[in-house]
Amino acid sequence: MPNTVISVENLSKAYRLGQIGTGRLVDDLKVWWAKARGRPNPFLKIDQKDHGNRDGETIWALRDISFDVKQGEVLGIIGHNGAGKSTILKILSQITAPTGGYIKLKGRVASLLEVGTGFHPDLTGRENIYLNGSILGMNKQEIDRKLDEIVAFAETERFLDTPVKRYSSGMYVRLAFAVAAHLEPEILLVDEVLSVGDAEFQRKCLGKMENVASGGRTVVFVSHIMPSIQALCKRVLLLRGGEVETCGGTSAVVARYLSLGSDIEAAEVDLSLHPGRSRSVEPALRKGWVLNADGIKTNRVRMGDALSVCFQFKCRNPISNPGFGIIIEDERGSGLLSLDNNVVPTEKNTFRSIESGIARIFVPHLPLVAGTYFVTFCLGESTRRWIDCVERALAIHVQPADVFGTGKIPDRAHGSFFVPWEVTVDRGDGTPERESHFARESLGTDAARL
């Protein structure tokens, strides 16, 4: 049986909001003495009211978190913003202390929590490699042996003797990850900073973390990118509001995470205070809903049927050439459809300037096989900047249907989509035979435009 290298039991972390104290011990004693005598705070400004402990309100970032991680295991931690994911990694990295509970770590820990963590901006890339190695407990000979491999992985050889303050955020991450992964820590903690890197580098990082785990070392990986979580992790911990929502196999936990922001049975959702809001300049999205071909509000549609995805919005100021978009994802978090009117040339955007209204995105024939899908609502402008985006806000249940009229229903075993197609066979005698496979007769010639 593998050994337990991370043990977390009843872990809690509390923070106090606002300004704590006056900043000087003498002044804090004066405030305490005034309060003890029933006098007002001597440092309040004129006409300012004393709200007591309001500034010192306590919030719990984590509450009674418990889990174990075995040697060689890759544990994923997911959850919406503010769920406590980064707080756990900071406590495991011993950057901050817990308010309650305890952790046990067996082995050397390397962490990649933020861009440039542990790097000195005035030191060169080479000097920072040695600095980080020393912090991790490596001696100079060990670092010398790994130096070429680190530089090759990070692809920063040309800039190795340049101060890292001149690096881009992507270069920072490349070098920081290369150092953390190659200096042989027993435990590697990785926050979602890998999203800064390009797609090719992300693939390299995932491959490296797989190699780290296969070598008997342990990885704790925090990310909002579900395909990365699914590719790397066999077990996932889902946090919600600082508490453990569930922990288990990757597929089940990811499906639960994707359904958290969505009312799985609702045909309409309130987007104004939705927890899935991201990439938001202002909370302009108000409501979202789905209409079937008859204009009835529902989230259950058949394969191949028409549907309309609608959302209500109201901006503080008019936006020019607005972009109305939706993204449809499957239960694993993989994006399947992205519909955005600003993908077409700007001159074709006929909406010009608008401040409020209801956007309706009409799909004449839904080409998805049966299953549950999640809709992300987006409102943007001509510069491709999102004004508001609410992720996985609404669930759509696609019902099975005999779309080809053969009695055979396409399912997930054959892919996520069905499309009209045809096969032509030329027997060599100049008379090719053609067999067309369009969807139900009701689709007519429009099927060719799917």
Protein backbone atom coordinates (compact mmCIF):
# COMPACT_ATOMS: atom_id res chain seq x y z
CA MET A 1 0.00 0.00 0.00
CA PRO A 2 1.37 3.47 -0.86
CA ASN A 3 2.32 5.65 2.06
CA THR A 4 0.29 8.74 2.97
CA VAL A 5 2.50 11.77 2.29
CA ILE A 6 -0.12 14.50 2.90
CA SER A 7 -2.59 14.25 5.75
CA VAL A 8 -5.01 17.11 6.38
CA GLU A 9 -7.42 16.89 9.29
CA ASN A 10 -10.11 19.40 10.34
CA LEU A 11 -8.22 22.21 8.62
CA SER A 12 -9.75 25.68 9.03
CA LYS A 13 -8.59 29.15 8.08
CA ALA A 14 -10.23 32.43 9.13
CA TYR A 15 -9.52 35.95 7.94
CA ARG A 16 -10.66 39.24 9.43
CA LEU A 17 -11.96 41.83 7.03
CA GLY A 18 -11.09 45.50 6.99
CA GLN A 19 -8.40 47.30 8.95
CA ILE A 20 -7.29 45.53 12.11
CA GLY A 21 -6.08 47.91 14.77
CA THR A 22 -4.51 51.33 14.29
CA GLY A 23 -1.05 50.17 13.31
CA ARG A 24 0.59 51.31 16.57
CA LEU A 25 0.54 49.49 19.89
CA VAL A 26 0.24 52.72 21.89
CA ASP A 27 -2.82 53.82 19.89
CA ASP A 28 -4.38 50.36 20.18
CA LEU A 29 -4.06 50.61 23.97
CA LYS A 30 -5.75 54.02 23.92
CA VAL A 31 -8.65 52.58 21.92
CA TRP A 32 -8.94 49.65 24.34
CA TRP A 33 -8.88 51.95 27.40
CA ALA A 34 -11.55 54.22 25.90
CA LYS A 35 -13.76 51.22 25.13
CA ALA A 36 -13.29 49.85 28.66
CA ARG A 37 -14.54 53.16 30.11
CA GLY A 38 -17.46 53.39 27.71
CA ARG A 39 -15.90 56.29 25.81
CA PRO A 40 -15.89 56.68 22.00
CA ASN A 41 -12.92 55.72 19.88
CA PRO A 42 -10.50 58.67 20.19
CA PHE A 43 -9.21 58.15 16.63
CA LEU A 44 -12.57 58.42 14.84
CA LYS A 45 -12.89 61.30 12.41
CA ILE A 46 -15.50 64.00 12.98
CA ASP A 47 -19.04 62.71 12.28
CA GLN A 48 -17.69 59.19 11.71
CA LYS A 49 -19.73 56.51 13.47
CA ASP A 50 -18.17 53.73 15.48
CA HIS A 51 -19.30 50.43 13.95
CA GLY A 52 -17.64 48.32 16.62
CA ASN A 53 -16.24 45.09 15.17
CA ARG A 54 -17.59 45.62 11.70
CA ASP A 55 -14.12 46.18 10.25
CA GLY A 56 -12.92 43.09 12.05
CA GLU A 57 -15.60 40.77 10.68
CA THR A 58 -14.35 37.20 10.36
CA ILE A 59 -14.82 35.06 7.27
CA TRP A 60 -13.87 31.40 7.02
CA ALA A 61 -11.89 30.63 3.89
CA LEU A 62 -11.72 26.97 4.97
CA ARG A 63 -13.76 25.09 7.54
CA ASP A 64 -13.06 21.54 8.75
CA ILE A 65 -11.31 20.26 5.62
CA SER A 66 -9.97 16.70 5.82
CA PHE A 67 -8.28 14.56 3.15
CA ASP A 68 -5.24 12.35 2.55
CA VAL A 69 -2.96 12.05 -0.46
CA LYS A 70 -0.94 8.89 -1.14
CA GLN A 71 2.59 8.74 -2.47
CA GLY A 72 2.61 8.96 -6.27
CA GLU A 73 -0.99 10.22 -6.45
CA VAL A 74 -2.14 13.25 -8.44
CA LEU A 75 -4.97 14.97 -6.57
CA GLY A 76 -7.00 17.65 -8.34
CA ILE A 77 -8.67 20.44 -6.37
CA ILE A 78 -11.51 22.31 -8.09
CA GLY A 79 -14.21 24.79 -7.14
CA HIS A 80 -15.55 28.20 -8.03
CA ASN A 81 -13.62 31.38 -7.25
CA GLY A 82 -13.38 31.93 -3.50
CA ALA A 83 -13.94 28.26 -2.65
CA GLY A 84 -10.61 28.03 -0.79
CA LYS A 85 -8.42 26.19 -3.31
CA SER A 86 -5.44 28.55 -3.20
CA THR A 87 -5.72 28.87 0.57
CA ILE A 88 -5.18 25.11 0.94
CA LEU A 89 -2.04 25.27 -1.21
CA LYS A 90 -0.68 28.23 0.77
CA ILE A 91 -1.14 26.30 4.00
CA LEU A 92 0.46 23.17 2.51
CA SER A 93 3.35 25.37 1.31
CA GLN A 94 3.63 26.79 4.84
CA ILE A 95 3.20 30.32 3.51
CA THR A 96 0.33 30.90 5.92
CA ALA A 97 -0.68 29.14 9.12
CA PRO A 98 -4.05 27.47 9.69
CA THR A 99 -6.53 28.80 12.24
CA GLY A 100 -7.47 25.27 13.29
CA GLY A 101 -6.68 21.65 12.50
CA TYR A 102 -3.32 20.35 11.35
CA ILE A 103 -1.42 19.01 8.36
CA LYS A 104 1.30 16.38 8.10
CA LEU A 105 3.74 16.39 5.18
CA LYS A 106 6.26 13.68 4.45
CA GLY A 107 8.96 14.93 2.12
CA ARG A 108 10.28 18.06 0.47
CA VAL A 109 7.63 20.42 -0.93
CA ALA A 110 7.93 22.56 -4.08
CA SER A 111 5.12 24.94 -4.98
CA LEU A 112 4.11 27.03 -7.96
CA LEU A 113 1.34 29.26 -6.66
CA GLU A 114 1.71 32.59 -8.44
CA VAL A 115 3.73 33.95 -11.33
CA GLY A 116 7.21 34.62 -10.04
CA THR A 117 6.73 33.17 -6.56
CA GLY A 118 10.16 32.78 -4.96
CA PHE A 119 11.93 34.69 -7.73
CA HIS A 120 13.92 37.85 -7.09
CA PRO A 121 13.21 40.29 -9.95
CA ASP A 122 16.75 41.74 -10.01
CA LEU A 123 18.44 38.35 -10.27
CA THR A 124 18.96 36.61 -13.59
CA GLY A 125 17.19 33.43 -14.59
CA ARG A 126 20.33 31.40 -13.81
CA GLU A 127 20.69 32.98 -10.35
CA ASN A 128 17.03 32.38 -9.56
CA ILE A 129 17.39 28.70 -10.45
CA TYR A 130 20.12 28.39 -7.83
CA LEU A 131 18.14 30.51 -5.35
CA ASN A 132 15.03 28.34 -5.69
CA GLY A 133 17.10 25.17 -5.52
CA SER A 134 18.68 26.34 -2.27
CA ILE A 135 15.28 27.15 -0.81
CA LEU A 136 14.17 23.61 -1.67
CA GLY A 137 17.19 22.21 0.14
CA MET A 138 19.28 21.27 -2.91
CA ASN A 139 23.05 21.72 -2.87
CA LYS A 140 25.02 23.31 -5.71
CA GLN A 141 26.13 19.99 -7.19
CA GLU A 142 22.52 18.77 -7.46
CA ILE A 143 21.43 21.99 -9.16
CA ASP A 144 24.41 21.89 -11.53
CA ARG A 145 23.35 18.43 -12.60
CA LYS A 146 19.80 19.57 -13.38
CA LEU A 147 20.56 23.01 -14.85
CA ASP A 148 20.70 22.05 -18.53
CA GLU A 149 17.50 20.02 -18.26
CA ILE A 150 15.68 22.92 -16.57
CA VAL A 151 16.78 25.44 -19.19
CA ALA A 152 15.88 23.13 -22.07
CA PHE A 153 12.40 22.52 -20.66
CA ALA A 154 11.74 26.22 -20.04
CA GLU A 155 13.13 27.20 -23.47
CA THR A 156 14.69 30.34 -21.97
CA GLU A 157 18.35 29.70 -22.83
CA ARG A 158 18.75 33.03 -24.67
CA PHE A 159 17.47 34.93 -21.64
CA LEU A 160 19.13 32.89 -18.91
CA ASP A 161 21.48 35.70 -17.87
CA THR A 162 18.83 38.43 -18.10
CA PRO A 163 17.13 39.75 -14.92
CA VAL A 164 13.76 38.06 -14.62
CA LYS A 165 12.00 41.42 -14.10
CA ARG A 166 12.34 41.77 -17.88
CA TYR A 167 10.62 38.43 -18.52
CA SER A 168 7.06 38.22 -19.77
CA SER A 169 4.53 36.47 -17.51
CA GLY A 170 4.72 33.42 -19.80
CA MET A 171 8.53 33.25 -19.51
CA TYR A 172 8.22 33.61 -15.73
CA VAL A 173 5.90 30.64 -15.55
CA ARG A 174 8.01 28.51 -17.89
CA LEU A 175 11.11 28.94 -15.78
CA ALA A 176 9.31 28.73 -12.42
CA PHE A 177 7.58 25.47 -13.36
CA ALA A 178 10.77 24.00 -14.79
CA VAL A 179 12.62 24.71 -11.53
CA ALA A 180 9.82 23.37 -9.32
CA ALA A 181 9.35 20.17 -11.36
CA HIS A 182 13.00 19.29 -12.04
CA LEU A 183 14.54 19.77 -8.60
CA GLU A 184 12.98 16.49 -7.46
CA PRO A 185 10.57 17.47 -4.69
CA GLU A 186 8.62 14.66 -3.07
CA ILE A 187 5.48 16.85 -3.20
CA LEU A 188 4.69 19.29 -6.02
CA LEU A 189 1.91 21.87 -5.50
CA VAL A 190 0.68 23.61 -8.65
CA ASP A 191 -1.93 26.38 -8.74
CA GLU A 192 -3.72 27.50 -11.92
CA VAL A 193 -0.81 29.67 -13.08
CA LEU A 194 -0.24 27.26 -15.98
CA SER A 195 -3.11 29.01 -17.78
CA VAL A 196 -0.65 31.86 -18.42
CA GLY A 197 1.43 29.66 -20.70
CA ASP A 198 0.60 28.77 -24.29
CA ALA A 199 -1.15 25.54 -25.27
CA GLU A 200 2.06 23.71 -26.19
CA PHE A 201 3.71 24.58 -22.89
CA GLN A 202 0.61 23.47 -20.97
CA ARG A 203 0.87 20.08 -22.68
CA LYS A 204 4.54 19.87 -21.69
CA CYS A 205 3.67 20.72 -18.09
CA LEU A 206 0.94 18.09 -17.91
CA GLY A 207 3.33 15.52 -19.33
CA LYS A 208 5.99 16.49 -16.81
CA MET A 209 3.55 16.22 -13.90
CA GLU A 210 2.58 12.75 -15.11
CA ASN A 211 6.27 11.81 -15.14
CA VAL A 212 6.70 13.26 -11.64
CA ALA A 213 3.80 11.17 -10.35
CA SER A 214 4.91 8.02 -12.15
CA GLY A 215 8.29 8.41 -10.43
CA GLY A 216 6.63 7.97 -7.04
CA ARG A 217 6.26 11.64 -6.21
CA THR A 218 3.00 13.40 -5.36
CA VAL A 219 1.20 16.24 -7.16
CA VAL A 220 -1.61 18.48 -5.91
CA PHE A 221 -3.06 20.34 -8.89
CA VAL A 222 -5.53 23.25 -8.75
CA SER A 223 -7.18 24.33 -11.98
CA HIS A 224 -10.37 25.67 -13.56
CA ILE A 225 -9.52 23.84 -16.80
CA MET A 226 -11.51 20.63 -16.57
CA PRO A 227 -9.86 18.78 -19.50
CA SER A 228 -6.48 19.23 -17.75
CA ILE A 229 -7.93 17.93 -14.49
CA GLN A 230 -9.42 14.93 -16.28
CA ALA A 231 -6.22 14.17 -18.18
CA LEU A 232 -4.00 14.26 -15.11
CA CYS A 233 -6.03 13.32 -12.02
CA LYS A 234 -7.70 10.10 -10.97
CA ARG A 235 -9.14 11.63 -7.80
CA VAL A 236 -10.57 15.13 -7.34
CA LEU A 237 -11.54 17.21 -4.30
CA LEU A 238 -14.41 19.66 -4.87
CA LEU A 239 -14.59 22.69 -2.57
CA ARG A 240 -17.64 24.87 -2.12
CA GLY A 241 -17.72 27.86 0.22
CA GLY A 242 -14.61 26.69 2.06
CA GLU A 243 -15.96 23.20 2.73
CA VAL A 244 -15.61 19.83 1.02
CA GLU A 245 -18.56 19.32 -1.32
CA THR A 246 -17.38 15.89 -2.46
CA CYS A 247 -14.21 13.90 -3.13
CA GLY A 248 -13.86 10.92 -5.41
CA GLY A 249 -13.39 9.77 -8.98
CA THR A 250 -12.63 12.48 -11.52
CA SER A 251 -15.63 12.02 -13.84
CA ALA A 252 -18.25 12.09 -11.09
CA VAL A 253 -16.71 15.04 -9.24
CA VAL A 254 -16.21 17.12 -12.40
CA ALA A 255 -19.83 16.48 -13.40
CA ARG A 256 -20.92 17.62 -9.94
CA TYR A 257 -18.77 20.77 -10.23
CA LEU A 258 -20.22 21.67 -13.60
CA SER A 259 -23.76 21.32 -12.27
CA LEU A 260 -23.15 23.48 -9.17
CA GLY A 261 -23.69 26.82 -10.85
CA SER A 262 -26.66 25.50 -12.79
CA ASP A 263 -30.12 24.67 -11.65
CA ILE A 264 -30.20 21.32 -13.38
CA GLU A 265 -34.00 21.42 -13.81
CA ALA A 266 -34.55 25.15 -14.35
CA ALA A 267 -35.69 26.53 -17.69
CA GLU A 268 -34.67 30.04 -16.59
CA VAL A 269 -31.83 31.23 -14.34
CA ASP A 270 -31.07 34.48 -12.55
CA LEU A 271 -27.66 35.67 -13.77
CA SER A 272 -27.42 38.86 -11.70
CA LEU A 273 -25.72 37.25 -8.67
CA HIS A 274 -24.67 33.96 -10.24
CA PRO A 275 -21.54 32.25 -8.75
CA GLY A 276 -20.31 31.31 -12.23
CA ARG A 277 -19.59 34.92 -13.20
CA SER A 278 -16.08 35.39 -14.66
CA ARG A 279 -14.26 37.79 -17.00
CA SER A 280 -16.72 40.47 -15.92
CA VAL A 281 -16.23 44.21 -16.25
CA GLU A 282 -19.76 44.77 -14.94
CA PRO A 283 -22.64 42.41 -14.05
CA ALA A 284 -24.69 43.24 -17.14
CA LEU A 285 -26.30 39.81 -17.65
CA ARG A 286 -29.61 39.54 -15.79
CA LYS A 287 -31.51 36.39 -16.85
CA GLY A 288 -31.01 33.44 -19.18
CA TRP A 289 -33.44 30.87 -20.59
CA VAL A 290 -34.09 28.41 -23.42
CA LEU A 291 -37.08 28.25 -25.79
CA ASN A 292 -38.06 25.21 -27.83
CA ALA A 293 -39.32 25.30 -31.43
CA ASP A 294 -42.82 26.27 -30.21
CA GLY A 295 -41.48 29.22 -28.19
CA ILE A 296 -42.10 27.46 -24.87
CA LYS A 297 -39.59 28.04 -22.09
CA THR A 298 -37.96 24.67 -21.32
CA ASN A 299 -34.55 23.09 -20.93
CA ARG A 300 -35.55 19.78 -22.53
CA VAL A 301 -35.24 19.54 -26.30
CA ARG A 302 -34.93 16.66 -28.75
CA MET A 303 -31.94 15.90 -30.91
CA GLY A 304 -32.23 17.83 -34.17
CA ASP A 305 -34.93 20.20 -32.92
CA ALA A 306 -34.74 23.97 -33.15
CA LEU A 307 -34.10 25.96 -29.98
CA SER A 308 -33.36 29.52 -28.93
CA VAL A 309 -30.97 30.47 -26.13
CA CYS A 310 -31.93 33.88 -24.74
CA PHE A 311 -30.49 36.26 -22.20
CA GLN A 312 -31.52 39.63 -20.82
CA PHE A 313 -28.85 42.29 -20.32
CA LYS A 314 -28.53 45.88 -19.15
CA CYS A 315 -25.24 47.82 -19.33
CA ARG A 316 -24.26 51.01 -17.55
CA ASN A 317 -23.38 52.61 -20.89
CA PRO A 318 -24.20 51.81 -24.53
CA ILE A 319 -21.76 49.38 -26.20
CA SER A 320 -20.80 49.58 -29.85
CA ASN A 321 -21.00 46.55 -32.14
CA PRO A 322 -22.03 44.30 -29.25
CA GLY A 323 -21.09 40.63 -29.20
CA PHE A 324 -23.75 38.15 -28.09
CA GLY A 325 -22.34 34.70 -27.44
CA ILE A 326 -22.98 31.33 -25.87
CA ILE A 327 -20.71 28.36 -25.25
CA ILE A 328 -22.14 24.87 -24.86
CA GLU A 329 -20.06 22.36 -22.88
CA ASP A 330 -20.55 18.70 -22.11
CA GLU A 331 -20.57 17.12 -18.65
CA ARG A 332 -16.76 16.84 -18.72
CA GLY A 333 -16.30 20.58 -19.27
CA SER A 334 -15.20 20.29 -22.91
CA GLY A 335 -16.44 23.10 -25.12
CA LEU A 336 -18.54 21.75 -28.00
CA LEU A 337 -20.21 24.80 -29.58
CA SER A 338 -19.23 28.46 -29.49
CA LEU A 339 -21.64 30.91 -31.12
CA ASP A 340 -20.63 34.58 -31.21
CA ASN A 341 -21.85 37.18 -33.70
CA ASN A 342 -18.61 39.15 -33.37
CA VAL A 343 -16.69 36.32 -35.00
CA VAL A 344 -18.02 37.62 -38.31
CA PRO A 345 -16.45 40.83 -39.73
CA THR A 346 -17.36 43.93 -37.74
CA GLU A 347 -19.10 45.59 -40.68
CA LYS A 348 -21.65 42.76 -40.67
CA ASN A 349 -22.66 43.52 -37.08
CA THR A 350 -25.97 45.31 -37.55
CA PHE A 351 -26.64 46.06 -33.90
CA ARG A 352 -24.28 49.07 -33.81
CA SER A 353 -24.88 50.54 -30.34
CA ILE A 354 -27.10 49.10 -27.63
CA GLU A 355 -27.46 49.44 -23.86
CA SER A 356 -30.12 46.90 -22.85
CA GLY A 357 -32.39 44.29 -24.32
CA ILE A 358 -32.91 40.56 -24.82
CA ALA A 359 -30.54 38.62 -27.08
CA ARG A 360 -31.90 35.50 -28.76
CA ILE A 361 -29.48 33.03 -30.36
CA PHE A 362 -31.44 30.72 -32.67
CA VAL A 363 -30.13 27.26 -33.57
CA PRO A 364 -32.32 25.73 -36.31
CA HIS A 365 -31.21 22.12 -35.74
CA LEU A 366 -29.35 21.13 -32.57
CA PRO A 367 -26.65 18.65 -33.71
CA LEU A 368 -25.89 17.17 -30.26
CA VAL A 369 -26.60 13.60 -29.21
CA ALA A 370 -28.63 12.86 -26.09
CA GLY A 371 -27.17 14.04 -22.80
CA THR A 372 -26.88 16.98 -20.44
CA TYR A 373 -25.05 20.09 -21.58
CA PHE A 374 -24.20 23.40 -19.92
CA VAL A 375 -24.58 26.88 -21.36
CA THR A 376 -22.22 29.80 -20.74
CA PHE A 377 -23.66 33.27 -21.48
CA CYS A 378 -21.37 36.04 -22.78
CA LEU A 379 -21.82 39.71 -23.64
CA GLY A 380 -18.97 41.57 -25.33
CA GLU A 381 -18.07 44.36 -27.70
CA SER A 382 -16.31 44.81 -31.01
CA THR A 383 -12.83 44.80 -29.49
CA ARG A 384 -13.44 41.14 -28.45
CA ARG A 385 -13.43 42.22 -24.81
CA TRP A 386 -16.02 40.46 -22.69
CA ILE A 387 -18.17 42.82 -20.65
CA ASP A 388 -19.81 40.01 -18.72
CA CYS A 389 -19.58 36.22 -18.82
CA VAL A 390 -21.43 33.68 -16.64
CA GLU A 391 -20.07 30.17 -16.97
CA ARG A 392 -22.17 26.98 -17.00
CA ALA A 393 -25.23 28.87 -15.82
CA LEU A 394 -27.96 26.73 -17.37
CA ALA A 395 -28.35 23.03 -18.15
CA ILE A 396 -29.93 21.72 -21.35
CA HIS A 397 -31.19 18.14 -21.41
CA VAL A 398 -31.12 16.80 -24.98
CA GLN A 399 -33.55 13.94 -25.43
CA PRO A 400 -32.87 11.00 -27.81
CA ALA A 401 -34.62 11.00 -31.17
CA ASP A 402 -34.59 8.91 -34.34
CA VAL A 403 -32.97 11.71 -36.36
CA PHE A 404 -32.17 9.55 -39.41
CA GLY A 405 -35.49 7.70 -39.46
CA THR A 406 -33.80 4.30 -39.26
CA GLY A 407 -34.79 3.29 -35.75
CA LYS A 408 -31.17 3.68 -34.68
CA ILE A 409 -30.37 6.59 -32.38
CA PRO A 410 -26.83 8.09 -32.37
CA ASP A 411 -25.29 8.09 -28.91
CA ARG A 412 -22.11 9.14 -27.10
CA ALA A 413 -20.34 5.97 -28.14
CA HIS A 414 -20.22 7.42 -31.67
CA GLY A 415 -19.29 10.99 -30.68
CA SER A 416 -21.04 14.11 -29.42
CA PHE A 417 -22.46 15.30 -32.77
CA PHE A 418 -24.60 14.02 -35.59
CA VAL A 419 -24.44 15.84 -38.93
CA PRO A 420 -25.93 15.34 -42.39
CA TRP A 421 -23.59 13.45 -44.67
CA GLU A 422 -23.45 11.25 -47.70
CA VAL A 423 -21.26 8.50 -49.09
CA THR A 424 -20.43 8.04 -52.79
CA VAL A 425 -19.03 4.81 -54.25
CA ASP A 426 -17.57 4.70 -57.75
CA ARG A 427 -17.52 1.12 -59.08
CA GLY A 428 -15.20 2.16 -61.90
CA ASP A 429 -17.82 2.13 -64.64
CA GLY A 430 -18.46 5.87 -64.48
CA THR A 431 -21.76 5.55 -62.63
CA PRO A 432 -21.10 6.53 -59.01
CA GLU A 433 -23.69 5.49 -56.48
CA ARG A 434 -24.66 8.01 -53.81
CA GLU A 435 -26.29 7.40 -50.45
CA SER A 436 -27.39 10.49 -48.46
CA HIS A 437 -27.87 10.48 -44.71
CA PHE A 438 -29.72 13.59 -43.67
CA ALA A 439 -31.65 13.95 -40.48
CA ARG A 440 -35.40 13.49 -40.22
CA GLU A 441 -37.52 14.44 -43.16
CA SER A 442 -38.72 17.49 -41.23
CA LEU A 443 -35.27 19.01 -41.62
CA GLY A 444 -35.62 19.08 -45.38
CA THR A 445 -32.92 20.77 -47.42
CA ASP A 446 -31.97 22.92 -44.43
CA ALA A 447 -30.09 19.89 -43.09
CA ALA A 448 -27.26 20.65 -45.50
CA ARG A 449 -26.62 23.91 -43.66
CA LEU A 450 -25.96 22.29 -40.27
